[in-house]
Amino acid sequence: MSRDVTVKLMLDTDDDTAIAAFEEKLRGWLRTQPAVKTVDVMKPARWHGEVWREARKSYYGSKLRNPYARTELNT
């Protein structure tokens, strides 16, 4: 039987070198554990409003239309 375990860690540093070193040490330790089959480390996702706006534009068009605006049917 296998199970997927997700762990979220928050580090209190802005030093990219320290973060990379910590990740590598953690990966190395996890690989020595007999029950661990694979180790995946993902980069943290950050909210980027521009990406959301572009996705919304591509799906809905350049502007959302006003549902209460006058149309040819109710002039």
Protein backbone atom coordinates (compact mmCIF):
# COMPACT_ATOMS: atom_id res chain seq x y z
CA MET A 1 0.00 0.00 0.00
CA SER A 2 1.26 3.48 -0.79
CA ARG A 3 0.08 6.89 0.27
CA ASP A 4 0.80 10.39 -1.02
CA VAL A 5 1.76 12.81 1.77
CA THR A 6 1.91 16.56 1.15
CA VAL A 7 3.82 18.77 3.57
CA LYS A 8 3.97 22.56 3.51
CA LEU A 9 6.93 24.25 5.18
CA MET A 10 7.35 27.97 5.69
CA LEU A 11 10.90 29.18 6.17
CA ASP A 12 11.68 32.45 7.91
CA THR A 13 14.37 33.70 5.54
CA ASP A 14 14.74 35.61 2.29
CA ASP A 15 18.14 34.09 1.51
CA ASP A 16 17.72 31.93 -1.60
CA THR A 17 21.00 30.13 -0.92
CA ALA A 18 19.88 29.10 2.57
CA ILE A 19 16.53 27.94 1.22
CA ALA A 20 18.17 25.86 -1.52
CA ALA A 21 20.58 24.31 1.00
CA PHE A 22 17.71 23.45 3.36
CA GLU A 23 15.71 21.86 0.53
CA GLU A 24 18.69 19.78 -0.57
CA LYS A 25 19.37 18.56 2.99
CA LEU A 26 15.69 17.70 3.44
CA ARG A 27 15.59 15.81 0.13
CA GLY A 28 18.76 13.93 1.08
CA TRP A 29 17.36 12.93 4.47
CA LEU A 30 14.01 11.88 3.01
CA ARG A 31 15.75 9.66 0.45
CA THR A 32 17.43 7.74 3.29
CA GLN A 33 14.06 6.85 4.83
CA PRO A 34 13.02 3.31 3.87
CA ALA A 35 9.31 4.11 3.44
CA VAL A 36 9.88 7.11 1.14
CA LYS A 37 9.67 6.16 -2.54
CA THR A 38 9.80 9.58 -4.25
CA VAL A 39 10.48 13.16 -3.20
CA ASP A 40 9.14 16.15 -5.14
CA VAL A 41 9.83 19.75 -4.13
CA MET A 42 7.76 22.42 -5.85
CA LYS A 43 8.49 26.09 -6.03
CA PRO A 44 5.99 28.16 -4.06
CA ALA A 45 3.15 29.65 -6.07
CA ARG A 46 2.59 33.35 -5.67
CA TRP A 47 -0.56 35.29 -6.44
CA HIS A 48 -0.05 37.27 -9.60
CA GLY A 49 -3.12 39.31 -10.49
CA GLU A 50 -1.95 39.98 -14.02
CA VAL A 51 -1.98 36.27 -14.84
CA TRP A 52 -5.53 35.97 -13.52
CA ARG A 53 -6.66 39.02 -15.52
CA GLU A 54 -5.14 37.65 -18.72
CA ALA A 55 -6.83 34.28 -18.17
CA ARG A 56 -10.16 36.00 -17.54
CA LYS A 57 -9.75 38.08 -20.70
CA SER A 58 -8.95 35.05 -22.81
CA TYR A 59 -12.03 33.22 -21.49
CA TYR A 60 -14.63 35.98 -21.28
CA GLY A 61 -13.27 38.49 -23.79
CA SER A 62 -11.72 41.88 -23.24
CA LYS A 63 -14.50 43.25 -21.03
CA LEU A 64 -17.31 41.78 -19.03
CA ARG A 65 -20.53 43.19 -20.33
CA ASN A 66 -22.98 45.00 -18.08
CA PRO A 67 -26.07 42.75 -17.79
CA TYR A 68 -28.24 45.85 -17.11
CA ALA A 69 -27.05 47.88 -20.09
CA ARG A 70 -29.55 48.88 -22.73
CA THR A 71 -29.72 46.61 -25.75
CA GLU A 72 -31.49 46.73 -29.07
CA LEU A 73 -34.34 44.72 -27.52
CA ASN A 74 -35.14 47.17 -24.73
CA THR A 75 -34.41 50.58 -26.31
